[in-house]
Amino acid sequence: MNQLKTQYFVAILMSLWLLGLAGVSFYLPAMPLLGSQLSASASLVKLTITFYIIGKAVSMFIYGPFVEAFGRKLYLVIGISLFTFGSALCAMANNIDWVLIGRLIQGIGCSLCILMGRAVINDQYPHRKAASLFSYIFTGNAILLMALPIIAGYIATYWGWRAIFYSFFVYGLVLTTLVISFIPETNPGASVKNLELKQIKHNYWQIIKNKSFWGVVLLIALMTAGEKVFTTSASYTFIDTLHYSKVNFGYLLSTLWFAHLAGVVLCGWLVIRLGIDRLMSFGSTLLFISALALGIASLLNISSGILLAGTMFLYMFGSGFIITTAAVAMVRPFPQLIGLATAIGMAVEFTLASIASFIVSHFSQHSIKPVMLSISTVGALVLITWFYLVRQSCSDPELIAQND
C-alpha cells in the first residue's frame, strides 16, 4: 500500500474508531439534561453508558468466529449501519427505556467498527509498524476528543440532548459511504471453514491457553474499567455535585483527552526504538502512581474535584501508552487469528468495563470518595497484572522475536 493510500486508509479507520470513544465523551455533557427532560433518575441515565458498553462486550463474543469466515469489509458496513440506527432511535426516544435500547444497539454496531479497525491494521503491517500506525489513529482520535466534549457542551446547552444523537446519525451515514467506497478487503484468506465446530474449538483453544494474551487483555481491560468508572460518574459528579456548567465540564474532559493524546503521541515516537513491552510497562507504572495518589487521598478523607481531575490527567496520560501497545501485543502470538484474538480480548475488556460502569451507576451522587477508591483499586491491579502476567511472559525468546 503506497503512502497516499495509507493516509486515506488510516484517516477512515480513525473516523471509525472515533465512534467507540465519542459514543461516551460526546454524550456525557447531555446526560443530566436528558434525565431531567425524560424524568429519569440519575442511576437510570448512568445506565445509558452501561448499556452502550454491554452492547460492545456481548457482541464481541458472537462476532469472533465470523470475522475469520467472511472477511472485514462486510462487518464494517453492518457495524456502522447498526450504530446509525441506534442513534436515530435515541434521538426520537420519548422515554428512558428507548434510549437504553438505542444505546445498546449503538454499542453492538460500534464494537464491529472497533474490532474490524484493529484487525485490518494488524492484517496489513508488521508489529512495530502497526503500533506506530495505531499511534497515529489514537492521536487523531485524541485530538478530536479534546474538542468533542466542548462542542457537545454547547450543543446540549443550546439545542438539547437530542441534537447529540442526530449528530451521530449524520456521522454514521457519511462513514457508511466512505467505507463502501474506499476500504478494501484485507483478509482475502477468510474461509467458512472457520465456522466448523472443530475448527472453532481449535482456534479458541490456541488463544485461550496463551498466558501472554491474557496478561495483555487483563491489563487493557483493567485500564478501561478505571476510565469507565470515571466517565460513568463524571457528569453528575462535576455538573450536579460540584456545580460545573456543561461547557466547563466539556473543557475538563478535553483537558483529560489532551493527556491521553500526549501519551499516545509520545508512545508513537518511542515505540520503534524502545519496543512495545517497555512502553507498556511505563504506562502501567503511571496508572499505578495515579491510583496510589487517589488511594492515599481517600484514606485521609480528602475529597476534591481538583484532586480527582489531576490524578485522572496522569491516568489518561498513562492510558495512551497502554492502548497503543496493547492493540498489537494482544494479537502478536496469533498472526493467522488476528480477528478472533481481537474479538476475545475486546469482549473481556468491554465486559469488565460494563461491570465497572454498572457498579458505579449505583454510587451516591453526593460523594466522590467511592469513585476515587474504585479507580485506586483498578490502578493497583494494573501494576500487579503487568508484573505477574505480562512482564514474565515477555521474557520468552519466542515472544521477543515476535515483537518485531
Protein backbone atom coordinates (compact mmCIF):
# COMPACT_ATOMS: atom_id res chain seq x y z
CA MET A 1 0.00 0.00 0.00
CA ASN A 2 1.59 3.30 -1.08
CA GLN A 3 1.93 6.26 1.29
CA LEU A 4 -1.04 8.23 -0.06
CA LYS A 5 -3.37 5.25 0.12
CA THR A 6 -2.11 4.50 3.62
CA GLN A 7 -3.01 8.05 4.72
CA TYR A 8 -6.58 7.72 3.41
CA PHE A 9 -6.83 4.22 4.87
CA VAL A 10 -5.71 5.42 8.31
CA ALA A 11 -7.96 8.52 8.18
CA ILE A 12 -11.09 6.46 7.53
CA LEU A 13 -10.17 3.90 10.20
CA MET A 14 -9.56 6.76 12.63
CA SER A 15 -13.06 8.07 11.88
CA LEU A 16 -14.50 4.61 12.53
CA TRP A 17 -12.59 4.17 15.76
CA LEU A 18 -13.80 7.54 16.96
CA LEU A 19 -17.27 6.03 17.39
CA GLY A 20 -16.13 3.95 20.35
CA LEU A 21 -14.98 6.89 22.43
CA ALA A 22 -17.22 9.63 21.01
CA GLY A 23 -20.21 7.43 21.90
CA VAL A 24 -19.37 8.29 25.51
CA SER A 25 -17.43 11.57 25.58
CA PHE A 26 -19.67 13.41 23.08
CA TYR A 27 -22.71 12.30 25.07
CA LEU A 28 -21.60 12.98 28.66
CA PRO A 29 -22.45 16.72 28.85
CA ALA A 30 -26.06 15.94 27.82
CA MET A 31 -26.76 13.26 30.46
CA PRO A 32 -28.24 15.43 33.25
CA LEU A 33 -30.43 17.29 30.74
CA LEU A 34 -31.67 14.02 29.23
CA GLY A 35 -32.56 12.74 32.70
CA SER A 36 -34.43 15.92 33.54
CA GLN A 37 -36.48 16.04 30.32
CA LEU A 38 -37.33 12.32 30.35
CA SER A 39 -38.00 12.30 34.13
CA ALA A 40 -35.37 9.59 34.66
CA SER A 41 -33.28 9.07 37.78
CA ALA A 42 -29.53 9.60 37.76
CA SER A 43 -28.97 5.84 38.12
CA LEU A 44 -31.08 5.11 35.04
CA VAL A 45 -29.34 7.78 32.98
CA LYS A 46 -25.95 6.40 34.01
CA LEU A 47 -27.12 3.02 32.71
CA THR A 48 -27.15 4.53 29.21
CA ILE A 49 -23.35 4.34 29.47
CA THR A 50 -23.51 0.81 30.86
CA PHE A 51 -25.84 -0.43 28.10
CA TYR A 52 -23.58 1.07 25.45
CA ILE A 53 -20.61 -0.84 26.86
CA ILE A 54 -22.65 -4.04 27.31
CA GLY A 55 -23.59 -3.88 23.64
CA LYS A 56 -19.89 -3.70 22.74
CA ALA A 57 -19.00 -6.55 25.11
CA VAL A 58 -21.70 -9.11 24.31
CA SER A 59 -21.43 -8.72 20.55
CA MET A 60 -17.68 -9.37 20.63
CA PHE A 61 -18.30 -12.89 21.94
CA ILE A 62 -20.59 -13.55 18.96
CA TYR A 63 -18.51 -11.90 16.24
CA GLY A 64 -15.26 -13.81 16.82
CA PRO A 65 -15.63 -16.88 14.57
CA PHE A 66 -17.50 -14.95 11.86
CA VAL A 67 -14.80 -12.34 11.24
CA GLU A 68 -12.40 -15.11 10.22
CA ALA A 69 -15.04 -16.64 7.94
CA PHE A 70 -16.37 -13.71 5.90
CA GLY A 71 -13.67 -11.05 5.99
CA ARG A 72 -13.61 -7.49 7.29
CA LYS A 73 -15.42 -5.04 4.99
CA LEU A 74 -18.90 -6.59 5.25
CA TYR A 75 -18.81 -6.32 9.02
CA LEU A 76 -17.63 -2.72 8.93
CA VAL A 77 -20.71 -1.78 6.89
CA ILE A 78 -23.02 -3.76 9.19
CA GLY A 79 -21.45 -2.17 12.27
CA ILE A 80 -21.82 1.42 11.07
CA SER A 81 -25.40 0.75 9.95
CA LEU A 82 -26.33 -0.56 13.41
CA PHE A 83 -24.69 2.41 15.13
CA THR A 84 -26.58 4.81 12.86
CA PHE A 85 -29.91 3.07 13.51
CA GLY A 86 -29.31 3.13 17.27
CA SER A 87 -28.53 6.85 17.09
CA ALA A 88 -31.84 7.56 15.33
CA LEU A 89 -33.69 5.51 17.94
CA CYS A 90 -32.14 7.52 20.78
CA ALA A 91 -32.83 10.84 19.07
CA MET A 92 -36.55 10.06 18.72
CA ALA A 93 -36.99 8.40 22.13
CA ASN A 94 -39.78 9.67 24.40
CA ASN A 95 -38.70 7.71 27.49
CA ILE A 96 -35.51 6.37 29.01
CA ASP A 97 -36.32 2.77 28.02
CA TRP A 98 -35.99 3.56 24.31
CA VAL A 99 -32.76 5.45 24.96
CA LEU A 100 -31.36 2.37 26.70
CA ILE A 101 -32.35 0.15 23.75
CA GLY A 102 -30.85 2.61 21.27
CA ARG A 103 -27.62 2.80 23.26
CA LEU A 104 -27.41 -1.00 23.33
CA ILE A 105 -27.76 -1.10 19.53
CA GLN A 106 -25.17 1.68 19.18
CA GLY A 107 -22.75 -0.39 21.26
CA ILE A 108 -23.35 -3.54 19.18
CA GLY A 109 -22.61 -1.66 15.98
CA CYS A 110 -19.69 0.27 17.40
CA SER A 111 -17.95 -2.92 18.54
CA LEU A 112 -17.79 -4.16 14.95
CA CYS A 113 -16.19 -0.91 13.81
CA ILE A 114 -13.54 -1.09 16.55
CA LEU A 115 -12.87 -4.79 16.02
CA MET A 116 -12.54 -4.54 12.26
CA GLY A 117 -10.47 -1.36 12.54
CA ARG A 118 -7.90 -3.14 14.67
CA ALA A 119 -7.98 -6.26 12.52
CA VAL A 120 -7.34 -4.50 9.22
CA ILE A 121 -4.27 -2.69 10.62
CA ASN A 122 -2.83 -5.91 12.02
CA ASP A 123 -3.66 -7.67 8.72
CA GLN A 124 -1.60 -5.19 6.72
CA TYR A 125 1.50 -4.34 8.77
CA PRO A 126 4.24 -5.93 10.96
CA HIS A 127 4.05 -5.44 14.74
CA ARG A 128 6.07 -2.28 15.40
CA LYS A 129 4.80 -0.60 12.24
CA ALA A 130 1.25 -1.50 13.27
CA ALA A 131 1.86 0.01 16.71
CA SER A 132 3.15 3.16 15.04
CA LEU A 133 0.02 3.40 12.87
CA PHE A 134 -2.18 2.76 15.90
CA SER A 135 -0.42 5.71 17.48
CA TYR A 136 -1.39 7.93 14.53
CA ILE A 137 -5.01 6.76 14.76
CA PHE A 138 -5.20 7.22 18.52
CA THR A 139 -3.51 10.62 18.17
CA GLY A 140 -6.10 11.78 15.67
CA ASN A 141 -8.89 10.49 17.87
CA ALA A 142 -7.47 12.14 20.96
CA ILE A 143 -7.23 15.50 19.15
CA LEU A 144 -10.86 15.20 18.07
CA LEU A 145 -11.93 14.03 21.52
CA MET A 146 -10.37 17.14 23.04
CA ALA A 147 -12.81 19.21 21.00
CA LEU A 148 -15.90 16.97 21.09
CA PRO A 149 -16.89 17.43 24.77
CA ILE A 150 -16.66 21.21 24.38
CA ILE A 151 -18.80 21.10 21.22
CA ALA A 152 -21.22 18.72 22.94
CA GLY A 153 -21.48 21.07 25.90
CA TYR A 154 -22.58 23.91 23.62
CA ILE A 155 -24.93 21.64 21.62
CA ALA A 156 -26.59 20.32 24.80
CA THR A 157 -26.95 23.85 26.16
CA TYR A 158 -28.43 25.49 23.06
CA TRP A 159 -30.07 22.65 21.07
CA GLY A 160 -30.74 19.95 23.65
CA TRP A 161 -29.69 16.35 24.12
CA ARG A 162 -31.47 15.04 21.01
CA ALA A 163 -29.11 17.04 18.80
CA ILE A 164 -26.24 14.88 20.11
CA PHE A 165 -27.83 11.74 18.69
CA TYR A 166 -28.86 13.40 15.42
CA SER A 167 -25.17 14.32 15.04
CA PHE A 168 -24.23 10.64 15.49
CA PHE A 169 -26.85 9.70 12.88
CA VAL A 170 -25.44 12.03 10.21
CA TYR A 171 -21.87 10.95 11.04
CA GLY A 172 -22.86 7.30 10.59
CA LEU A 173 -24.35 7.95 7.15
CA VAL A 174 -21.16 9.68 5.99
CA LEU A 175 -18.95 6.86 7.32
CA THR A 176 -21.04 4.18 5.60
CA THR A 177 -20.43 5.88 2.25
CA LEU A 178 -16.67 6.20 2.88
CA VAL A 179 -16.22 2.55 3.89
CA ILE A 180 -18.16 1.20 0.92
CA SER A 181 -16.18 3.42 -1.47
CA PHE A 182 -12.62 3.27 -0.14
CA ILE A 183 -11.89 0.42 2.33
CA PRO A 184 -10.61 -2.78 0.65
CA GLU A 185 -11.00 -6.31 1.96
CA THR A 186 -7.81 -7.02 3.93
CA ASN A 187 -8.44 -10.67 4.75
CA PRO A 188 -8.84 -12.44 1.39
CA GLY A 189 -7.96 -15.72 3.10
CA ALA A 190 -11.21 -15.71 5.10
CA SER A 191 -12.88 -19.12 4.90
CA VAL A 192 -16.19 -20.61 6.06
CA LYS A 193 -14.07 -23.49 7.33
CA ASN A 194 -13.51 -21.32 10.39
CA LEU A 195 -17.21 -21.80 11.25
CA GLU A 196 -16.85 -25.57 11.60
CA LEU A 197 -17.26 -26.57 15.26
CA LYS A 198 -13.97 -28.46 15.34
CA GLN A 199 -12.09 -25.51 13.85
CA ILE A 200 -13.79 -23.02 16.20
CA LYS A 201 -12.76 -25.09 19.22
CA HIS A 202 -9.20 -25.37 17.89
CA ASN A 203 -8.93 -21.64 17.21
CA TYR A 204 -10.33 -20.63 20.58
CA TRP A 205 -8.04 -23.04 22.42
CA GLN A 206 -4.94 -21.68 20.67
CA ILE A 207 -5.77 -18.24 22.04
CA ILE A 208 -7.21 -19.11 25.45
CA LYS A 209 -4.21 -21.18 26.54
CA ASN A 210 -1.75 -18.33 25.83
CA LYS A 211 -0.56 -16.63 29.04
CA SER A 212 0.82 -13.57 27.26
CA PHE A 213 -2.56 -12.94 25.63
CA TRP A 214 -4.38 -12.98 28.97
CA GLY A 215 -1.83 -10.72 30.58
CA VAL A 216 -2.25 -8.03 27.92
CA VAL A 217 -6.04 -8.44 27.83
CA LEU A 218 -6.40 -8.04 31.59
CA LEU A 219 -4.06 -5.06 31.54
CA ILE A 220 -6.08 -3.11 28.99
CA ALA A 221 -9.40 -4.34 30.47
CA LEU A 222 -8.49 -3.02 33.93
CA MET A 223 -7.28 0.26 32.44
CA THR A 224 -10.57 0.66 30.57
CA ALA A 225 -12.59 -0.25 33.66
CA GLY A 226 -10.91 2.54 35.63
CA GLU A 227 -11.63 5.03 32.88
CA LYS A 228 -15.29 3.92 32.70
CA VAL A 229 -15.65 4.30 36.48
CA PHE A 230 -14.70 7.93 35.99
CA THR A 231 -16.73 8.66 32.84
CA THR A 232 -19.91 6.99 34.12
CA SER A 233 -19.94 9.17 37.22
CA ALA A 234 -18.17 12.28 35.90
CA SER A 235 -21.09 14.30 34.53
CA TYR A 236 -23.16 14.03 37.72
CA THR A 237 -20.08 14.47 39.93
CA PHE A 238 -18.92 17.67 38.26
CA ILE A 239 -22.19 19.16 36.93
CA ASP A 240 -24.67 18.30 39.70
CA THR A 241 -22.49 17.83 42.79
CA LEU A 242 -19.67 20.30 42.11
CA HIS A 243 -21.86 22.68 40.03
CA TYR A 244 -19.69 22.91 36.91
CA SER A 245 -21.51 24.27 33.86
CA LYS A 246 -21.95 21.90 30.91
CA VAL A 247 -19.45 23.94 28.92
CA ASN A 248 -16.83 23.99 31.71
CA PHE A 249 -17.31 20.26 32.18
CA GLY A 250 -16.66 19.88 28.45
CA TYR A 251 -13.39 21.78 28.86
CA LEU A 252 -12.40 19.49 31.74
CA LEU A 253 -12.98 16.39 29.63
CA SER A 254 -10.99 17.93 26.80
CA THR A 255 -8.07 18.50 29.17
CA LEU A 256 -8.11 14.83 30.13
CA TRP A 257 -8.17 13.80 26.48
CA PHE A 258 -5.19 16.08 25.92
CA ALA A 259 -3.32 13.97 28.49
CA HIS A 260 -4.33 10.82 26.61
CA LEU A 261 -3.19 12.43 23.37
CA ALA A 262 0.20 13.28 24.86
CA GLY A 263 0.66 9.65 25.95
CA VAL A 264 -0.32 8.29 22.54
CA VAL A 265 1.95 10.70 20.64
CA LEU A 266 4.96 10.06 22.86
CA CYS A 267 4.39 6.30 22.60
CA GLY A 268 4.24 6.57 18.81
CA TRP A 269 7.56 8.39 18.72
CA LEU A 270 9.28 5.89 21.01
CA VAL A 271 7.82 2.52 20.03
CA ILE A 272 10.12 1.82 17.07
CA ARG A 273 13.20 2.48 19.20
CA LEU A 274 12.18 1.13 22.62
CA GLY A 275 9.69 -1.59 21.69
CA ILE A 276 6.18 -2.43 22.76
CA ASP A 277 6.83 -4.04 26.14
CA ARG A 278 8.92 -1.28 27.71
CA LEU A 279 6.33 1.34 26.88
CA MET A 280 3.52 -0.85 28.16
CA SER A 281 5.42 -1.13 31.43
CA PHE A 282 5.82 2.65 31.61
CA GLY A 283 2.09 3.20 31.08
CA SER A 284 1.23 0.65 33.78
CA THR A 285 3.51 2.43 36.24
CA LEU A 286 1.82 5.78 35.57
CA LEU A 287 -1.60 4.29 36.22
CA PHE A 288 -0.35 2.84 39.49
CA ILE A 289 1.05 6.20 40.62
CA SER A 290 -2.31 7.81 39.85
CA ALA A 291 -4.14 5.08 41.75
CA LEU A 292 -1.77 5.38 44.72
CA ALA A 293 -2.44 9.12 44.97
CA LEU A 294 -6.21 8.56 44.93
CA GLY A 295 -5.94 5.75 47.48
CA ILE A 296 -3.95 7.84 49.93
CA ALA A 297 -6.35 10.77 49.48
CA SER A 298 -9.33 8.50 50.17
CA LEU A 299 -7.76 7.12 53.34
CA LEU A 300 -7.11 10.68 54.54
CA ASN A 301 -10.72 11.66 53.67
CA ILE A 302 -9.55 14.20 51.11
CA SER A 303 -12.32 14.50 48.52
CA SER A 304 -11.70 17.13 45.88
CA GLY A 305 -12.77 17.66 42.29
CA ILE A 306 -9.38 19.20 41.53
CA LEU A 307 -7.60 16.17 43.01
CA LEU A 308 -9.77 13.73 41.05
CA ALA A 309 -9.25 15.65 37.81
CA GLY A 310 -5.49 15.97 38.41
CA THR A 311 -4.93 12.28 39.09
CA MET A 312 -7.12 11.33 36.13
CA PHE A 313 -4.88 13.55 33.99
CA LEU A 314 -1.94 11.29 34.90
CA TYR A 315 -4.11 8.20 34.49
CA MET A 316 -5.15 9.24 30.98
CA PHE A 317 -1.54 10.05 30.06
CA GLY A 318 -0.52 6.51 31.05
CA SER A 319 -3.51 5.02 29.22
CA GLY A 320 -2.16 6.45 25.96
CA PHE A 321 0.89 4.17 26.26
CA ILE A 322 -1.16 1.10 27.16
CA ILE A 323 -3.84 1.38 24.49
CA THR A 324 -1.28 1.90 21.71
CA THR A 325 0.97 -1.02 22.64
CA ALA A 326 -1.71 -3.46 23.79
CA ALA A 327 -3.55 -3.22 20.45
CA VAL A 328 -0.58 -5.04 18.90
CA ALA A 329 0.70 -7.09 21.85
CA MET A 330 -2.71 -8.74 22.20
CA VAL A 331 -2.59 -10.37 18.76
CA ARG A 332 1.11 -10.81 18.00
CA PRO A 333 1.21 -14.52 19.01
CA PHE A 334 -1.63 -15.26 16.53
CA PRO A 335 -0.81 -13.96 13.03
CA GLN A 336 -3.45 -16.22 11.46
CA LEU A 337 -6.18 -15.47 14.01
CA ILE A 338 -5.96 -11.70 14.37
CA GLY A 339 -9.71 -11.08 14.13
CA LEU A 340 -10.65 -13.80 16.62
CA ALA A 341 -7.94 -12.83 19.12
CA THR A 342 -9.02 -9.20 18.93
CA ALA A 343 -12.67 -10.18 19.42
CA ILE A 344 -11.96 -12.31 22.50
CA GLY A 345 -9.68 -9.69 24.01
CA MET A 346 -12.09 -6.82 23.45
CA ALA A 347 -15.03 -8.89 24.71
CA VAL A 348 -13.21 -9.31 28.03
CA GLU A 349 -12.24 -5.63 28.03
CA PHE A 350 -15.77 -4.37 27.43
CA THR A 351 -17.31 -6.90 29.85
CA LEU A 352 -15.12 -5.71 32.71
CA ALA A 353 -15.78 -2.10 31.72
CA SER A 354 -19.56 -2.66 31.67
CA ILE A 355 -19.43 -4.29 35.12
CA ALA A 356 -17.46 -1.33 36.47
CA SER A 357 -19.89 1.11 34.85
CA PHE A 358 -22.91 -0.75 36.27
CA ILE A 359 -21.48 -0.73 39.79
CA VAL A 360 -20.57 2.95 39.73
CA SER A 361 -24.04 3.86 38.39
CA HIS A 362 -25.37 2.95 41.85
CA PHE A 363 -22.88 5.05 43.80
CA SER A 364 -24.10 8.02 45.80
CA GLN A 365 -24.33 11.25 43.80
CA HIS A 366 -23.12 13.31 46.77
CA SER A 367 -19.67 11.81 47.39
CA ILE A 368 -16.72 11.25 45.08
CA LYS A 369 -14.86 9.06 47.57
CA PRO A 370 -16.29 5.72 46.21
CA VAL A 371 -15.17 6.72 42.71
CA MET A 372 -11.68 7.56 43.97
CA LEU A 373 -11.40 4.23 45.82
CA SER A 374 -12.61 2.28 42.76
CA ILE A 375 -10.07 3.89 40.42
CA SER A 376 -7.35 3.38 43.04
CA THR A 377 -8.13 -0.34 43.23
CA VAL A 378 -8.12 -0.74 39.45
CA GLY A 379 -4.78 1.07 39.11
CA ALA A 380 -3.17 -1.21 41.69
CA LEU A 381 -4.47 -4.28 39.82
CA VAL A 382 -2.98 -2.92 36.59
CA LEU A 383 0.54 -2.97 38.04
CA ILE A 384 0.01 -6.44 39.57
CA THR A 385 -1.18 -7.74 36.19
CA TRP A 386 1.80 -6.25 34.42
CA PHE A 387 4.31 -7.71 36.88
CA TYR A 388 2.89 -11.22 37.24
CA LEU A 389 1.42 -11.91 33.80
CA VAL A 390 2.79 -9.57 31.12
CA ARG A 391 6.36 -8.97 32.31
CA GLN A 392 7.17 -12.64 32.88
CA SER A 393 5.77 -13.80 29.54
CA CYS A 394 7.66 -11.03 27.74
CA SER A 395 10.93 -12.71 28.73
CA ASP A 396 10.14 -15.66 26.43
CA PRO A 397 12.62 -15.64 23.48
CA GLU A 398 9.84 -16.60 21.05
CA LEU A 399 7.69 -13.64 22.11
CA ILE A 400 10.61 -11.23 21.96
CA ALA A 401 11.22 -12.32 18.36
CA GLN A 402 7.55 -11.73 17.56
CA ASN A 403 7.82 -8.18 18.90
CA ASP A 404 9.43 -7.12 15.64
